[in-house]
Amino acid sequence: MKQTQWNFSNQSAIVTGGSRGIGAAVVKGLADAGAEVLFTYSHDEQAAMRLIEQCGTSRVTAAKVDFTDPGDMEAFLNQLTDRKVDCVVNNAGLLRDGPLYKMKEAHWQHVFQVNVEALFAVCKKLIPALAISEGRIVNISSVSGISGTAGQVNYSTAKAGVIGFTKSLAREIGPLGIRVNAVAPGFVETDMLLTIQPQKRKSLYRDVPLRRLGKPEEIASTVLFLLSDAASYMTGSIVVADGGLY
């Protein structure tokens, strides 16, 4: 699905967690609309290279970044110094599900490092550049951060943090002309969803009024809308895209 209704020609975008799923669909959508895109991936280099090939343009590049590694984080942020940026999509995410009473401290920390601390570091680094371009930020949260999900205390808490971060930052940097919004997807057909037990995945359809899972391209369309001039008076908004689940 090409988001050809959008025009991001001569614009530069950064997408974290961009090699698969929602992130890859956002990268494709931005590239199809003419943007120069730098996306990050954590480990699957083949998926990253396939995505670059699929986009079919030299304007799309990738950076391997493990956001749980402080050295990797610092090196990536250094790459962003003095870079022109119009759009930022913070999509990097990590699941480490399990009941709280059994949860390892590392699983709590890693989820926050990827879902929240990377978001903080990237936005902090890029605010000066975004102020010059009057740029846009879209953060990917989740309905789990709104309603909570059993067995995902770490993930739900982190994604709730993304919502608070989005609302607060929107107030803080709105006077600079920077818009900050978030998308809270429901159940989407991604590799992350495959970590859910098969029997539970089947039951998901019954919980969604539209009786199907979302497609990454559908979430990407929402993201591109928020990045576009069509959403020029929206900031601090949390757009829920969940087929009616929440």
C-alpha atoms as a PDB file:
ATOM      1  CA  MET A   1       0.000   0.000   0.000  1.00  0.00           C
ATOM      2  CA  LYS A   2       1.660   3.254  -1.125  1.00  0.00           C
ATOM      3  CA  GLN A   3       0.830   6.415   0.778  1.00  0.00           C
ATOM      4  CA  THR A   4       0.958   8.478  -2.444  1.00  0.00           C
ATOM      5  CA  GLN A   5      -1.483  11.053  -1.097  1.00  0.00           C
ATOM      6  CA  TRP A   6       1.330  12.517   1.018  1.00  0.00           C
ATOM      7  CA  ASN A   7       4.174  14.688  -0.228  1.00  0.00           C
ATOM      8  CA  PHE A   8       7.408  14.679   1.801  1.00  0.00           C
ATOM      9  CA  SER A   9       9.723  15.762  -1.020  1.00  0.00           C
ATOM     10  CA  ASN A  10      12.889  17.536   0.169  1.00  0.00           C
ATOM     11  CA  GLN A  11      12.208  16.420   3.736  1.00  0.00           C
ATOM     12  CA  SER A  12      14.452  14.348   5.960  1.00  0.00           C
ATOM     13  CA  ALA A  13      13.058  11.743   8.348  1.00  0.00           C
ATOM     14  CA  ILE A  14      14.423   9.493  11.082  1.00  0.00           C
ATOM     15  CA  VAL A  15      12.572   6.310  12.034  1.00  0.00           C
ATOM     16  CA  THR A  16      13.764   4.191  14.951  1.00  0.00           C
ATOM     17  CA  GLY A  17      12.969   0.478  14.806  1.00  0.00           C
ATOM     18  CA  GLY A  18      12.355   0.719  11.091  1.00  0.00           C
ATOM     19  CA  SER A  19      13.346  -2.618   9.594  1.00  0.00           C
ATOM     20  CA  ARG A  20      10.141  -4.592  10.187  1.00  0.00           C
ATOM     21  CA  GLY A  21       6.450  -4.300  10.949  1.00  0.00           C
ATOM     22  CA  ILE A  22       5.015  -0.845  11.576  1.00  0.00           C
ATOM     23  CA  GLY A  23       8.431   0.796  11.314  1.00  0.00           C
ATOM     24  CA  ALA A  24       9.125  -0.704   7.890  1.00  0.00           C
ATOM     25  CA  ALA A  25       5.698   0.392   6.647  1.00  0.00           C
ATOM     26  CA  VAL A  26       6.432   3.945   7.852  1.00  0.00           C
ATOM     27  CA  VAL A  27       9.825   3.930   6.111  1.00  0.00           C
ATOM     28  CA  LYS A  28       8.225   2.736   2.858  1.00  0.00           C
ATOM     29  CA  GLY A  29       5.452   5.304   3.110  1.00  0.00           C
ATOM     30  CA  LEU A  30       7.870   8.177   3.670  1.00  0.00           C
ATOM     31  CA  ALA A  31      10.170   6.991   0.880  1.00  0.00           C
ATOM     32  CA  ASP A  32       7.238   6.612  -1.536  1.00  0.00           C
ATOM     33  CA  ALA A  33       6.252  10.180  -0.672  1.00  0.00           C
ATOM     34  CA  GLY A  34       9.715  11.497  -1.520  1.00  0.00           C
ATOM     35  CA  ALA A  35      11.441  11.777   1.857  1.00  0.00           C
ATOM     36  CA  GLU A  36      15.051  11.013   2.681  1.00  0.00           C
ATOM     37  CA  VAL A  37      14.875   8.404   5.453  1.00  0.00           C
ATOM     38  CA  LEU A  38      17.396   7.113   7.978  1.00  0.00           C
ATOM     39  CA  PHE A  39      16.050   4.170   9.955  1.00  0.00           C
ATOM     40  CA  THR A  40      17.532   2.066  12.732  1.00  0.00           C
ATOM     41  CA  TYR A  41      17.486  -1.673  13.246  1.00  0.00           C
ATOM     42  CA  SER A  42      18.778  -3.696  16.178  1.00  0.00           C
ATOM     43  CA  HIS A  43      19.978  -7.032  14.799  1.00  0.00           C
ATOM     44  CA  ASP A  44      18.299  -8.209  11.589  1.00  0.00           C
ATOM     45  CA  GLU A  45      20.609  -6.774   8.939  1.00  0.00           C
ATOM     46  CA  GLN A  46      19.033  -8.874   6.180  1.00  0.00           C
ATOM     47  CA  ALA A  47      15.605  -7.378   6.889  1.00  0.00           C
ATOM     48  CA  ALA A  48      17.123  -3.892   6.827  1.00  0.00           C
ATOM     49  CA  MET A  49      18.839  -4.498   3.498  1.00  0.00           C
ATOM     50  CA  ARG A  50      15.648  -5.993   2.003  1.00  0.00           C
ATOM     51  CA  LEU A  51      13.731  -2.906   3.043  1.00  0.00           C
ATOM     52  CA  ILE A  52      16.273  -0.590   1.419  1.00  0.00           C
ATOM     53  CA  GLU A  53      16.023  -2.648  -1.763  1.00  0.00           C
ATOM     54  CA  GLN A  54      12.217  -2.585  -1.679  1.00  0.00           C
ATOM     55  CA  CYS A  55      12.199   1.195  -1.308  1.00  0.00           C
ATOM     56  CA  GLY A  56      14.275   1.382  -4.479  1.00  0.00           C
ATOM     57  CA  THR A  57      15.922   4.694  -3.705  1.00  0.00           C
ATOM     58  CA  SER A  58      19.322   5.863  -2.499  1.00  0.00           C
ATOM     59  CA  ARG A  59      17.509   8.243  -0.158  1.00  0.00           C
ATOM     60  CA  VAL A  60      16.871   5.402   2.334  1.00  0.00           C
ATOM     61  CA  THR A  61      19.727   4.382   4.635  1.00  0.00           C
ATOM     62  CA  ALA A  62      20.013   2.265   7.775  1.00  0.00           C
ATOM     63  CA  ALA A  63      21.976   2.338  11.029  1.00  0.00           C
ATOM     64  CA  LYS A  64      22.443  -0.669  13.298  1.00  0.00           C
ATOM     65  CA  VAL A  65      21.673   0.427  16.860  1.00  0.00           C
ATOM     66  CA  ASP A  66      21.103  -1.606  20.014  1.00  0.00           C
ATOM     67  CA  PHE A  67      19.276   0.831  22.259  1.00  0.00           C
ATOM     68  CA  THR A  68      20.061  -1.326  25.306  1.00  0.00           C
ATOM     69  CA  ASP A  69      23.771  -0.633  24.725  1.00  0.00           C
ATOM     70  CA  PRO A  70      24.872   2.841  25.932  1.00  0.00           C
ATOM     71  CA  GLY A  71      27.814   2.814  23.510  1.00  0.00           C
ATOM     72  CA  ASP A  72      25.558   2.102  20.543  1.00  0.00           C
ATOM     73  CA  MET A  73      23.164   4.814  21.680  1.00  0.00           C
ATOM     74  CA  GLU A  74      25.944   7.394  21.971  1.00  0.00           C
ATOM     75  CA  ALA A  75      27.399   6.503  18.563  1.00  0.00           C
ATOM     76  CA  PHE A  76      23.989   6.839  16.900  1.00  0.00           C
ATOM     77  CA  LEU A  77      23.274  10.184  18.542  1.00  0.00           C
ATOM     78  CA  ASN A  78      26.637  11.437  17.327  1.00  0.00           C
ATOM     79  CA  GLN A  79      25.550  10.559  13.770  1.00  0.00           C
ATOM     80  CA  LEU A  80      22.637  12.944  14.188  1.00  0.00           C
ATOM     81  CA  THR A  81      24.786  15.974  15.034  1.00  0.00           C
ATOM     82  CA  ASP A  82      24.094  18.873  12.658  1.00  0.00           C
ATOM     83  CA  ARG A  83      21.726  16.707  10.616  1.00  0.00           C
ATOM     84  CA  LYS A  84      18.749  18.348   8.904  1.00  0.00           C
ATOM     85  CA  VAL A  85      15.577  16.757  10.268  1.00  0.00           C
ATOM     86  CA  ASP A  86      11.938  17.415   9.459  1.00  0.00           C
ATOM     87  CA  CYS A  87      10.231  14.269  10.794  1.00  0.00           C
ATOM     88  CA  VAL A  88      10.998  11.854  13.621  1.00  0.00           C
ATOM     89  CA  VAL A  89       9.124   8.608  14.244  1.00  0.00           C
ATOM     90  CA  ASN A  90      10.050   6.869  17.489  1.00  0.00           C
ATOM     91  CA  ASN A  91       8.957   3.307  16.827  1.00  0.00           C
ATOM     92  CA  ALA A  92      11.702   1.200  18.447  1.00  0.00           C
ATOM     93  CA  GLY A  93      10.056  -1.222  20.854  1.00  0.00           C
ATOM     94  CA  LEU A  94      10.727  -4.337  22.864  1.00  0.00           C
ATOM     95  CA  LEU A  95       8.593  -6.962  24.600  1.00  0.00           C
ATOM     96  CA  ARG A  96       9.686  -9.029  27.587  1.00  0.00           C
ATOM     97  CA  ASP A  97       6.344 -10.394  28.778  1.00  0.00           C
ATOM     98  CA  GLY A  98       5.674 -12.302  31.965  1.00  0.00           C
ATOM     99  CA  PRO A  99       3.915 -12.020  35.328  1.00  0.00           C
ATOM    100  CA  LEU A 100       5.389  -9.356  37.573  1.00  0.00           C
ATOM    101  CA  TYR A 101       6.214 -11.737  40.417  1.00  0.00           C
ATOM    102  CA  LYS A 102       8.472 -13.691  38.047  1.00  0.00           C
ATOM    103  CA  MET A 103       9.838 -10.763  36.053  1.00  0.00           C
ATOM    104  CA  LYS A 104      13.591 -10.425  35.863  1.00  0.00           C
ATOM    105  CA  GLU A 105      14.951  -6.985  36.610  1.00  0.00           C
ATOM    106  CA  ALA A 106      16.792  -7.052  33.274  1.00  0.00           C
ATOM    107  CA  HIS A 107      13.483  -7.589  31.443  1.00  0.00           C
ATOM    108  CA  TRP A 108      12.024  -4.533  33.176  1.00  0.00           C
ATOM    109  CA  GLN A 109      15.089  -2.425  32.390  1.00  0.00           C
ATOM    110  CA  HIS A 110      15.472  -3.487  28.750  1.00  0.00           C
ATOM    111  CA  VAL A 111      11.844  -2.655  27.947  1.00  0.00           C
ATOM    112  CA  PHE A 112      12.326   0.836  29.377  1.00  0.00           C
ATOM    113  CA  GLN A 113      15.671   1.322  27.663  1.00  0.00           C
ATOM    114  CA  VAL A 114      14.184   0.678  24.223  1.00  0.00           C
ATOM    115  CA  ASN A 115      10.646   2.033  24.606  1.00  0.00           C
ATOM    116  CA  VAL A 116      11.323   5.117  26.754  1.00  0.00           C
ATOM    117  CA  GLU A 117      15.013   5.979  27.172  1.00  0.00           C
ATOM    118  CA  ALA A 118      15.730   5.817  23.435  1.00  0.00           C
ATOM    119  CA  LEU A 119      12.714   8.068  22.850  1.00  0.00           C
ATOM    120  CA  PHE A 120      14.062  10.566  25.399  1.00  0.00           C
ATOM    121  CA  ALA A 121      17.584  10.560  23.960  1.00  0.00           C
ATOM    122  CA  VAL A 122      16.556  10.903  20.308  1.00  0.00           C
ATOM    123  CA  CYS A 123      14.071  13.721  20.963  1.00  0.00           C
ATOM    124  CA  LYS A 124      16.501  15.612  23.202  1.00  0.00           C
ATOM    125  CA  LYS A 125      19.208  15.405  20.546  1.00  0.00           C
ATOM    126  CA  LEU A 126      16.985  16.508  17.676  1.00  0.00           C
ATOM    127  CA  ILE A 127      14.960  19.358  19.197  1.00  0.00           C
ATOM    128  CA  PRO A 128      17.395  22.042  17.937  1.00  0.00           C
ATOM    129  CA  ALA A 129      17.197  20.676  14.373  1.00  0.00           C
ATOM    130  CA  LEU A 130      13.421  20.306  14.558  1.00  0.00           C
ATOM    131  CA  ALA A 131      13.099  23.894  15.779  1.00  0.00           C
ATOM    132  CA  ILE A 132      14.837  25.078  12.606  1.00  0.00           C
ATOM    133  CA  SER A 133      12.522  23.069  10.335  1.00  0.00           C
ATOM    134  CA  GLU A 134       9.406  23.439  12.521  1.00  0.00           C
ATOM    135  CA  GLY A 135       9.398  19.663  12.412  1.00  0.00           C
ATOM    136  CA  ARG A 136       7.115  16.906  13.599  1.00  0.00           C
ATOM    137  CA  ILE A 137       7.505  13.996  16.009  1.00  0.00           C
ATOM    138  CA  VAL A 138       5.282  10.929  16.122  1.00  0.00           C
ATOM    139  CA  ASN A 139       5.796   8.444  18.953  1.00  0.00           C
ATOM    140  CA  ILE A 140       4.439   4.905  18.790  1.00  0.00           C
ATOM    141  CA  SER A 141       2.658   3.954  21.995  1.00  0.00           C
ATOM    142  CA  SER A 142       0.100   1.145  22.381  1.00  0.00           C
ATOM    143  CA  VAL A 143      -3.407   0.555  23.671  1.00  0.00           C
ATOM    144  CA  SER A 144      -1.592  -1.458  26.368  1.00  0.00           C
ATOM    145  CA  GLY A 145      -0.364   1.881  27.675  1.00  0.00           C
ATOM    146  CA  ILE A 146      -3.973   3.073  27.984  1.00  0.00           C
ATOM    147  CA  SER A 147      -5.892   0.036  29.196  1.00  0.00           C
ATOM    148  CA  GLY A 148      -3.072  -2.094  30.644  1.00  0.00           C
ATOM    149  CA  THR A 149      -2.435  -5.715  29.732  1.00  0.00           C
ATOM    150  CA  ALA A 150      -1.964  -8.629  32.107  1.00  0.00           C
ATOM    151  CA  GLY A 151       1.500 -10.113  31.787  1.00  0.00           C
ATOM    152  CA  GLN A 152       2.839  -6.877  30.313  1.00  0.00           C
ATOM    153  CA  VAL A 153       3.334  -4.655  33.338  1.00  0.00           C
ATOM    154  CA  ASN A 154       6.718  -3.517  32.025  1.00  0.00           C
ATOM    155  CA  TYR A 155       5.513  -2.888  28.465  1.00  0.00           C
ATOM    156  CA  SER A 156       2.204  -1.266  29.509  1.00  0.00           C
ATOM    157  CA  THR A 157       4.002   1.029  31.942  1.00  0.00           C
ATOM    158  CA  ALA A 158       6.577   2.005  29.320  1.00  0.00           C
ATOM    159  CA  LYS A 159       3.926   2.725  26.683  1.00  0.00           C
ATOM    160  CA  ALA A 160       1.919   4.764  29.204  1.00  0.00           C
ATOM    161  CA  GLY A 161       5.131   6.708  29.721  1.00  0.00           C
ATOM    162  CA  VAL A 162       5.299   7.370  25.983  1.00  0.00           C
ATOM    163  CA  ILE A 163       1.845   8.959  26.198  1.00  0.00           C
ATOM    164  CA  GLY A 164       2.849  11.200  29.107  1.00  0.00           C
ATOM    165  CA  PHE A 165       6.088  12.089  27.337  1.00  0.00           C
ATOM    166  CA  THR A 166       4.193  13.026  24.179  1.00  0.00           C
ATOM    167  CA  LYS A 167       1.669  15.253  25.923  1.00  0.00           C
ATOM    168  CA  SER A 168       4.287  17.030  28.028  1.00  0.00           C
ATOM    169  CA  LEU A 169       6.780  17.555  25.207  1.00  0.00           C
ATOM    170  CA  ALA A 170       4.022  18.893  22.955  1.00  0.00           C
ATOM    171  CA  ARG A 171       3.325  21.635  25.501  1.00  0.00           C
ATOM    172  CA  GLU A 172       7.012  22.336  25.992  1.00  0.00           C
ATOM    173  CA  ILE A 173       8.136  22.699  22.374  1.00  0.00           C
ATOM    174  CA  GLY A 174       4.907  23.785  20.708  1.00  0.00           C
ATOM    175  CA  PRO A 175       6.062  27.436  20.902  1.00  0.00           C
ATOM    176  CA  LEU A 176       9.052  26.402  18.742  1.00  0.00           C
ATOM    177  CA  GLY A 177       6.661  25.294  16.015  1.00  0.00           C
ATOM    178  CA  ILE A 178       7.309  21.581  16.629  1.00  0.00           C
ATOM    179  CA  ARG A 179       4.313  19.256  16.731  1.00  0.00           C
ATOM    180  CA  VAL A 180       4.420  16.095  18.872  1.00  0.00           C
ATOM    181  CA  ASN A 181       1.766  13.394  18.593  1.00  0.00           C
ATOM    182  CA  ALA A 182       1.475   9.672  19.250  1.00  0.00           C
ATOM    183  CA  VAL A 183      -0.272   6.679  17.757  1.00  0.00           C
ATOM    184  CA  ALA A 184      -1.551   3.898  20.016  1.00  0.00           C
ATOM    185  CA  PRO A 185      -2.042   0.773  17.874  1.00  0.00           C
ATOM    186  CA  GLY A 186      -4.005  -2.256  18.940  1.00  0.00           C
ATOM    187  CA  PHE A 187      -3.265  -5.750  17.642  1.00  0.00           C
ATOM    188  CA  VAL A 188      -1.260  -5.482  14.423  1.00  0.00           C
ATOM    189  CA  GLU A 189       0.119  -8.216  12.168  1.00  0.00           C
ATOM    190  CA  THR A 190       3.799  -7.909  13.120  1.00  0.00           C
ATOM    191  CA  ASP A 191       6.605 -10.195  14.297  1.00  0.00           C
ATOM    192  CA  MET A 192       6.021  -8.871  17.814  1.00  0.00           C
ATOM    193  CA  LEU A 193       2.502 -10.294  17.788  1.00  0.00           C
ATOM    194  CA  LEU A 194       3.919 -13.738  17.001  1.00  0.00           C
ATOM    195  CA  THR A 195       5.400 -13.820  20.509  1.00  0.00           C
ATOM    196  CA  ILE A 196       1.834 -14.214  21.840  1.00  0.00           C
ATOM    197  CA  GLN A 197       0.688 -17.816  22.313  1.00  0.00           C
ATOM    198  CA  PRO A 198      -1.266 -19.132  19.263  1.00  0.00           C
ATOM    199  CA  GLN A 199      -4.434 -19.868  21.238  1.00  0.00           C
ATOM    200  CA  LYS A 200      -4.447 -16.356  22.665  1.00  0.00           C
ATOM    201  CA  ARG A 201      -3.844 -14.882  19.209  1.00  0.00           C
ATOM    202  CA  LYS A 202      -7.020 -16.594  17.942  1.00  0.00           C
ATOM    203  CA  SER A 203      -9.028 -15.052  20.758  1.00  0.00           C
ATOM    204  CA  LEU A 204      -7.842 -11.576  19.775  1.00  0.00           C
ATOM    205  CA  TYR A 205     -10.200 -11.521  16.806  1.00  0.00           C
ATOM    206  CA  ARG A 206     -13.202 -11.859  19.134  1.00  0.00           C
ATOM    207  CA  ASP A 207     -12.047  -8.858  21.163  1.00  0.00           C
ATOM    208  CA  VAL A 208     -11.747  -6.533  18.148  1.00  0.00           C
ATOM    209  CA  PRO A 209     -15.073  -5.129  16.873  1.00  0.00           C
ATOM    210  CA  LEU A 210     -13.752  -5.112  13.284  1.00  0.00           C
ATOM    211  CA  ARG A 211     -12.979  -8.843  13.752  1.00  0.00           C
ATOM    212  CA  ARG A 212      -9.488  -8.648  12.309  1.00  0.00           C
ATOM    213  CA  LEU A 213      -5.975  -7.547  13.152  1.00  0.00           C
ATOM    214  CA  GLY A 214      -4.572  -4.301  11.863  1.00  0.00           C
ATOM    215  CA  LYS A 215      -2.033  -4.129   9.061  1.00  0.00           C
ATOM    216  CA  PRO A 216       1.276  -2.264   9.491  1.00  0.00           C
ATOM    217  CA  GLU A 217       0.383  -0.121   6.476  1.00  0.00           C
ATOM    218  CA  GLU A 218      -2.789   1.047   8.205  1.00  0.00           C
ATOM    219  CA  ILE A 219      -0.829   2.276  11.202  1.00  0.00           C
ATOM    220  CA  ALA A 220       1.745   3.841   8.880  1.00  0.00           C
ATOM    221  CA  SER A 221      -1.023   5.806   7.146  1.00  0.00           C
ATOM    222  CA  THR A 222      -2.020   7.269  10.518  1.00  0.00           C
ATOM    223  CA  VAL A 223       1.605   8.158  11.247  1.00  0.00           C
ATOM    224  CA  LEU A 224       2.059   9.853   7.879  1.00  0.00           C
ATOM    225  CA  PHE A 225      -1.141  11.827   8.395  1.00  0.00           C
ATOM    226  CA  LEU A 226       0.206  13.169  11.694  1.00  0.00           C
ATOM    227  CA  LEU A 227       3.516  14.064  10.034  1.00  0.00           C
ATOM    228  CA  SER A 228       1.775  15.829   7.174  1.00  0.00           C
ATOM    229  CA  ASP A 229       0.411  19.367   6.842  1.00  0.00           C
ATOM    230  CA  ALA A 230      -3.079  17.850   6.985  1.00  0.00           C
ATOM    231  CA  ALA A 231      -2.549  17.564  10.765  1.00  0.00           C
ATOM    232  CA  SER A 232      -1.013  21.042  11.104  1.00  0.00           C
ATOM    233  CA  TYR A 233      -3.200  21.993  14.095  1.00  0.00           C
ATOM    234  CA  MET A 234      -2.702  18.736  15.986  1.00  0.00           C
ATOM    235  CA  THR A 235      -0.172  18.396  18.786  1.00  0.00           C
ATOM    236  CA  GLY A 236      -0.276  16.464  22.032  1.00  0.00           C
ATOM    237  CA  SER A 237      -2.834  14.113  20.478  1.00  0.00           C
ATOM    238  CA  ILE A 238      -2.913  10.354  21.061  1.00  0.00           C
ATOM    239  CA  VAL A 239      -4.555   8.700  18.070  1.00  0.00           C
ATOM    240  CA  VAL A 240      -5.872   5.233  18.841  1.00  0.00           C
ATOM    241  CA  ALA A 241      -5.817   2.858  15.852  1.00  0.00           C
ATOM    242  CA  ASP A 242      -7.097  -0.445  17.191  1.00  0.00           C
ATOM    243  CA  GLY A 243     -10.151  -1.576  15.228  1.00  0.00           C
ATOM    244  CA  GLY A 244     -12.381  -0.540  18.155  1.00  0.00           C
ATOM    245  CA  LEU A 245     -10.567  -2.702  20.740  1.00  0.00           C
ATOM    246  CA  TYR A 246     -10.156   0.029  23.344  1.00  0.00           C
END
